[in-house]
C-alpha atoms as a PDB file:
ATOM      1  CA  UNK A   1     121.606 154.611  80.879  1.00  0.00           C
ATOM      2  CA  UNK A   2     119.156 156.956  79.177  1.00  0.00           C
ATOM      3  CA  UNK A   3     115.707 155.579  79.973  1.00  0.00           C
ATOM      4  CA  UNK A   4     112.334 156.861  78.804  1.00  0.00           C
ATOM      5  CA  UNK A   5     109.259 155.797  80.759  1.00  0.00           C
ATOM      6  CA  UNK A   6     105.998 156.669  78.992  1.00  0.00           C
ATOM      7  CA  UNK A   7     102.743 155.997  80.818  1.00  0.00           C
ATOM      8  CA  UNK A   8      99.021 156.481  80.458  1.00  0.00           C
ATOM      9  CA  UNK A   9      97.045 156.942  83.651  1.00  0.00           C
ATOM     10  CA  UNK A  10      93.383 157.823  84.074  1.00  0.00           C
ATOM     11  CA  UNK A  11      92.996 157.542  87.870  1.00  0.00           C
ATOM     12  CA  UNK A  12      96.650 157.976  88.893  1.00  0.00           C
ATOM     13  CA  UNK A  13      97.416 154.342  89.667  1.00  0.00           C
ATOM     14  CA  UNK A  14      99.475 153.661  86.537  1.00  0.00           C
ATOM     15  CA  UNK A  15     101.344 156.923  87.168  1.00  0.00           C
ATOM     16  CA  UNK A  16     102.218 155.692  90.675  1.00  0.00           C
ATOM     17  CA  UNK A  17     103.547 152.439  89.218  1.00  0.00           C
ATOM     18  CA  UNK A  18     105.554 154.364  86.608  1.00  0.00           C
ATOM     19  CA  UNK A  19     107.117 156.550  89.325  1.00  0.00           C
ATOM     20  CA  UNK A  20     108.013 153.457  91.361  1.00  0.00           C
ATOM     21  CA  UNK A  21     109.604 151.812  88.296  1.00  0.00           C
ATOM     22  CA  UNK A  22     111.549 155.052  87.753  1.00  0.00           C
ATOM     23  CA  UNK A  23     112.768 154.880  91.352  1.00  0.00           C
ATOM     24  CA  UNK A  24     113.997 151.337  90.699  1.00  0.00           C
ATOM     25  CA  UNK A  25     115.904 152.514  87.625  1.00  0.00           C
ATOM     26  CA  UNK A  26     117.318 155.540  89.424  1.00  0.00           C
ATOM     27  CA  UNK A  27     118.948 153.385  92.112  1.00  0.00           C
ATOM     28  CA  UNK A  28     121.530 151.975  89.701  1.00  0.00           C
ATOM     29  CA  UNK A  29     121.050 153.406  86.213  1.00  0.00           C
ATOM     30  CA  UNK A  30     120.524 157.140  86.631  1.00  0.00           C
ATOM     31  CA  UNK A  31     117.361 159.203  86.697  1.00  0.00           C
ATOM     32  CA  UNK A  32     114.974 158.198  83.885  1.00  0.00           C
ATOM     33  CA  UNK A  33     112.786 160.568  81.901  1.00  0.00           C
ATOM     34  CA  UNK A  34     109.213 159.998  83.059  1.00  0.00           C
ATOM     35  CA  UNK A  35     106.451 161.265  80.753  1.00  0.00           C
ATOM     36  CA  UNK A  36     102.692 161.131  80.574  1.00  0.00           C
ATOM     37  CA  UNK A  37     101.714 159.803  77.140  1.00  0.00           C
ATOM     38  CA  UNK A  38      99.967 163.083  76.370  1.00  0.00           C
ATOM     39  CA  UNK A  39     103.294 164.906  76.673  1.00  0.00           C
ATOM     40  CA  UNK A  40     105.413 162.283  74.892  1.00  0.00           C
ATOM     41  CA  UNK A  41     104.195 162.736  71.319  1.00  0.00           C
ATOM     42  CA  UNK A  42     107.212 164.695  70.105  1.00  0.00           C
ATOM     43  CA  UNK A  43     109.881 162.854  72.100  1.00  0.00           C
ATOM     44  CA  UNK A  44     112.207 160.838  69.828  1.00  0.00           C
ATOM     45  CA  UNK A  45     112.557 157.328  71.203  1.00  0.00           C
ATOM     46  CA  UNK A  46     115.837 156.954  69.310  1.00  0.00           C
ATOM     47  CA  UNK A  47     117.475 159.299  71.843  1.00  0.00           C
ATOM     48  CA  UNK A  48     117.129 156.705  74.603  1.00  0.00           C
ATOM     49  CA  UNK A  49     118.833 153.436  75.500  1.00  0.00           C
ATOM     50  CA  UNK A  50     115.702 151.878  77.042  1.00  0.00           C
ATOM     51  CA  UNK A  51     111.944 152.392  76.676  1.00  0.00           C
ATOM     52  CA  UNK A  52     109.426 151.422  79.358  1.00  0.00           C
ATOM     53  CA  UNK A  53     105.766 151.749  78.396  1.00  0.00           C
ATOM     54  CA  UNK A  54     102.800 151.366  80.723  1.00  0.00           C
ATOM     55  CA  UNK A  55      99.060 151.829  80.667  1.00  0.00           C
ATOM     56  CA  UNK A  56      95.832 150.661  82.226  1.00  0.00           C
ATOM     57  CA  UNK A  57      93.961 147.648  80.927  1.00  0.00           C
ATOM     58  CA  UNK A  58      90.585 148.715  79.530  1.00  0.00           C
ATOM     59  CA  UNK A  59      88.226 146.090  78.120  1.00  0.00           C
ATOM     60  CA  UNK A  60      91.019 143.463  78.185  1.00  0.00           C
ATOM     61  CA  UNK A  61      93.449 145.509  76.069  1.00  0.00           C
ATOM     62  CA  UNK A  62      95.009 148.959  75.681  1.00  0.00           C
ATOM     63  CA  UNK A  63      92.561 151.802  76.153  1.00  0.00           C
ATOM     64  CA  UNK A  64      90.670 153.390  73.277  1.00  0.00           C
ATOM     65  CA  UNK A  65      89.136 156.843  73.178  1.00  0.00           C
ATOM     66  CA  UNK A  66      85.741 155.298  74.008  1.00  0.00           C
ATOM     67  CA  UNK A  67      87.070 153.430  77.079  1.00  0.00           C
ATOM     68  CA  UNK A  68      88.910 156.535  78.269  1.00  0.00           C
ATOM     69  CA  UNK A  69      85.658 158.490  77.896  1.00  0.00           C
ATOM     70  CA  UNK A  70      83.984 155.785  80.026  1.00  0.00           C
ATOM     71  CA  UNK A  71      86.706 156.282  82.658  1.00  0.00           C
ATOM     72  CA  UNK A  72      85.971 160.017  82.674  1.00  0.00           C
ATOM     73  CA  UNK A  73      82.291 159.241  83.276  1.00  0.00           C
ATOM     74  CA  UNK A  74      83.451 157.136  86.246  1.00  0.00           C
ATOM     75  CA  UNK A  75      85.395 160.047  87.743  1.00  0.00           C
ATOM     76  CA  UNK A  76      88.767 160.143  85.970  1.00  0.00           C
ATOM     77  CA  UNK A  77      90.261 163.432  84.853  1.00  0.00           C
ATOM     78  CA  UNK A  78      89.126 164.420  81.374  1.00  0.00           C
ATOM     79  CA  UNK A  79      92.586 165.803  80.655  1.00  0.00           C
ATOM     80  CA  UNK A  80      93.914 162.302  80.024  1.00  0.00           C
ATOM     81  CA  UNK A  81      91.207 161.062  77.664  1.00  0.00           C
ATOM     82  CA  UNK A  82      92.558 162.372  74.363  1.00  0.00           C
ATOM     83  CA  UNK A  83      95.609 160.133  73.913  1.00  0.00           C
ATOM     84  CA  UNK A  84      96.665 156.748  75.211  1.00  0.00           C
ATOM     85  CA  UNK A  85      99.502 154.322  74.639  1.00  0.00           C
ATOM     86  CA  UNK A  86      97.610 152.769  71.710  1.00  0.00           C
ATOM     87  CA  UNK A  87      97.766 156.058  69.796  1.00  0.00           C
ATOM     88  CA  UNK A  88     101.344 156.671  70.906  1.00  0.00           C
ATOM     89  CA  UNK A  89     102.384 153.258  69.545  1.00  0.00           C
ATOM     90  CA  UNK A  90     100.554 153.923  66.278  1.00  0.00           C
ATOM     91  CA  UNK A  91     102.456 157.203  65.909  1.00  0.00           C
ATOM     92  CA  UNK A  92     105.760 155.424  66.582  1.00  0.00           C
ATOM     93  CA  UNK A  93     104.989 152.862  63.881  1.00  0.00           C
ATOM     94  CA  UNK A  94     104.213 155.622  61.377  1.00  0.00           C
ATOM     95  CA  UNK A  95     107.380 157.622  62.133  1.00  0.00           C
ATOM     96  CA  UNK A  96     110.076 156.759  59.583  1.00  0.00           C
ATOM     97  CA  UNK A  97     112.671 158.590  61.693  1.00  0.00           C
ATOM     98  CA  UNK A  98     112.123 156.139  64.556  1.00  0.00           C
ATOM     99  CA  UNK A  99     114.139 153.360  62.958  1.00  0.00           C
ATOM    100  CA  UNK A 100     116.393 153.018  66.006  1.00  0.00           C
ATOM    101  CA  UNK A 101     114.456 150.947  68.496  1.00  0.00           C
ATOM    102  CA  UNK A 102     115.828 150.690  72.036  1.00  0.00           C
ATOM    103  CA  UNK A 103     115.124 147.588  74.119  1.00  0.00           C
ATOM    104  CA  UNK A 104     111.671 147.952  75.673  1.00  0.00           C
ATOM    105  CA  UNK A 105     109.618 146.734  78.617  1.00  0.00           C
ATOM    106  CA  UNK A 106     105.870 146.993  79.163  1.00  0.00           C
ATOM    107  CA  UNK A 107     103.542 147.000  82.132  1.00  0.00           C
ATOM    108  CA  UNK A 108      99.908 147.571  82.828  1.00  0.00           C
ATOM    109  CA  UNK A 109      97.565 148.063  85.728  1.00  0.00           C
ATOM    110  CA  UNK A 110      94.478 145.947  86.008  1.00  0.00           C
ATOM    111  CA  UNK A 111      91.772 145.098  88.496  1.00  0.00           C
ATOM    112  CA  UNK A 112      92.858 142.262  90.793  1.00  0.00           C
ATOM    113  CA  UNK A 113      89.526 140.436  90.689  1.00  0.00           C
ATOM    114  CA  UNK A 114      89.982 139.754  86.939  1.00  0.00           C
ATOM    115  CA  UNK A 115      93.717 138.975  87.037  1.00  0.00           C
ATOM    116  CA  UNK A 116      93.176 135.543  85.507  1.00  0.00           C
ATOM    117  CA  UNK A 117      91.320 136.810  82.445  1.00  0.00           C
ATOM    118  CA  UNK A 118      93.353 136.660  79.228  1.00  0.00           C
ATOM    119  CA  UNK A 119      93.332 140.279  78.054  1.00  0.00           C
ATOM    120  CA  UNK A 120      96.006 142.732  79.116  1.00  0.00           C
ATOM    121  CA  UNK A 121      97.170 146.150  77.912  1.00  0.00           C
ATOM    122  CA  UNK A 122     100.781 145.092  78.528  1.00  0.00           C
ATOM    123  CA  UNK A 123     100.498 141.961  76.396  1.00  0.00           C
ATOM    124  CA  UNK A 124      98.861 143.919  73.558  1.00  0.00           C
ATOM    125  CA  UNK A 125     101.477 146.693  73.774  1.00  0.00           C
ATOM    126  CA  UNK A 126     104.253 144.070  73.758  1.00  0.00           C
ATOM    127  CA  UNK A 127     102.825 142.556  70.591  1.00  0.00           C
ATOM    128  CA  UNK A 128     102.739 145.989  68.958  1.00  0.00           C
ATOM    129  CA  UNK A 129     106.309 146.764  70.021  1.00  0.00           C
ATOM    130  CA  UNK A 130     107.596 143.417  68.721  1.00  0.00           C
ATOM    131  CA  UNK A 131     105.826 144.083  65.423  1.00  0.00           C
ATOM    132  CA  UNK A 132     107.664 147.402  65.184  1.00  0.00           C
ATOM    133  CA  UNK A 133     111.043 145.743  65.712  1.00  0.00           C
ATOM    134  CA  UNK A 134     111.620 146.339  69.410  1.00  0.00           C
ATOM    135  CA  UNK A 135     113.400 143.711  71.503  1.00  0.00           C
ATOM    136  CA  UNK A 136     111.521 143.149  74.747  1.00  0.00           C
ATOM    137  CA  UNK A 137     113.139 143.020  78.159  1.00  0.00           C
ATOM    138  CA  UNK A 138     111.359 140.196  79.906  1.00  0.00           C
ATOM    139  CA  UNK A 139     107.659 139.499  79.881  1.00  0.00           C
ATOM    140  CA  UNK A 140     104.854 142.031  80.038  1.00  0.00           C
ATOM    141  CA  UNK A 141     104.081 142.700  83.706  1.00  0.00           C
ATOM    142  CA  UNK A 142     100.811 143.550  85.419  1.00  0.00           C
ATOM    143  CA  UNK A 143     100.328 145.525  88.620  1.00  0.00           C
ATOM    144  CA  UNK A 144      97.012 145.302  90.409  1.00  0.00           C
ATOM    145  CA  UNK A 145      94.402 147.732  91.700  1.00  0.00           C
ATOM    146  CA  UNK A 146      91.476 146.936  93.963  1.00  0.00           C
ATOM    147  CA  UNK A 147      88.866 148.440  91.629  1.00  0.00           C
ATOM    148  CA  UNK A 148      88.632 150.468  88.418  1.00  0.00           C
ATOM    149  CA  UNK A 149      89.669 153.688  90.147  1.00  0.00           C
ATOM    150  CA  UNK A 150      92.126 152.004  92.524  1.00  0.00           C
ATOM    151  CA  UNK A 151      93.861 152.127  94.800  1.00  0.00           C
ATOM    152  CA  UNK A 152      96.846 149.913  94.068  1.00  0.00           C
ATOM    153  CA  UNK A 153      96.946 146.721  96.092  1.00  0.00           C
ATOM    154  CA  UNK A 154      99.290 146.811  99.070  1.00  0.00           C
ATOM    155  CA  UNK A 155     102.872 146.115  98.019  1.00  0.00           C
ATOM    156  CA  UNK A 156     102.438 146.922  94.326  1.00  0.00           C
ATOM    157  CA  UNK A 157     104.629 150.026  94.426  1.00  0.00           C
ATOM    158  CA  UNK A 158     107.397 148.018  96.113  1.00  0.00           C
ATOM    159  CA  UNK A 159     106.984 145.324  93.465  1.00  0.00           C
ATOM    160  CA  UNK A 160     107.219 148.004  90.747  1.00  0.00           C
ATOM    161  CA  UNK A 161     110.484 149.334  92.246  1.00  0.00           C
ATOM    162  CA  UNK A 162     111.888 145.818  92.293  1.00  0.00           C
ATOM    163  CA  UNK A 163     110.769 145.312  88.675  1.00  0.00           C
ATOM    164  CA  UNK A 164     112.584 148.534  87.754  1.00  0.00           C
ATOM    165  CA  UNK A 165     115.727 147.180  89.444  1.00  0.00           C
ATOM    166  CA  UNK A 166     115.430 143.913  87.505  1.00  0.00           C
ATOM    167  CA  UNK A 167     114.881 145.761  84.215  1.00  0.00           C
ATOM    168  CA  UNK A 168     118.188 147.593  84.681  1.00  0.00           C
ATOM    169  CA  UNK A 169     120.015 144.250  84.671  1.00  0.00           C
ATOM    170  CA  UNK A 170     118.111 143.032  81.593  1.00  0.00           C
ATOM    171  CA  UNK A 171     118.692 146.354  79.815  1.00  0.00           C
ATOM    172  CA  UNK A 172     122.430 146.277  80.466  1.00  0.00           C
ATOM    173  CA  UNK A 173     122.618 142.743  79.077  1.00  0.00           C
ATOM    174  CA  UNK A 174     120.615 143.758  75.973  1.00  0.00           C
ATOM    175  CA  UNK A 175     122.773 146.821  75.388  1.00  0.00           C
ATOM    176  CA  UNK A 176     125.975 144.766  75.740  1.00  0.00           C
ATOM    177  CA  UNK A 177     124.696 142.315  73.110  1.00  0.00           C
ATOM    178  CA  UNK A 178     124.050 145.230  70.741  1.00  0.00           C
ATOM    179  CA  UNK A 179     127.506 146.739  71.220  1.00  0.00           C
END
């Protein structure tokens, strides 16, 4: 199963979740392609069987340049501020060659103390993907950090690996329906 995992990570926590999800996929579906969103601009999604997209929740949604700049002021690497999953999704929508849409799954990272608030990068990304014609594998999923810069809560990487395992099953079912 050719799987592309694209992630945005300002403090490294979302990257850790993405790597754990990749480990879950690798156990039974082969090694996925794991890419930072800044490096994924020219990668054709149509070349993959499954897309997994993840990013941090900023201001109750996907990050914007202004919220990424705020993260840099709080200590994040400035190398990740130029492009996020919002811009990546916009580019996918504008690409006429990207008419083949693999089944997709989305996740985000968010601060545990606001887990009950309604906004989520994963839910917003899922809405964008559905609007572009993607079929979603399950519900958007959140993984939790202790504070803006992390770290991940205990057990979140294990939960991400298990989510990756579960996505393999959902992806196989979706691909069988398409065949």
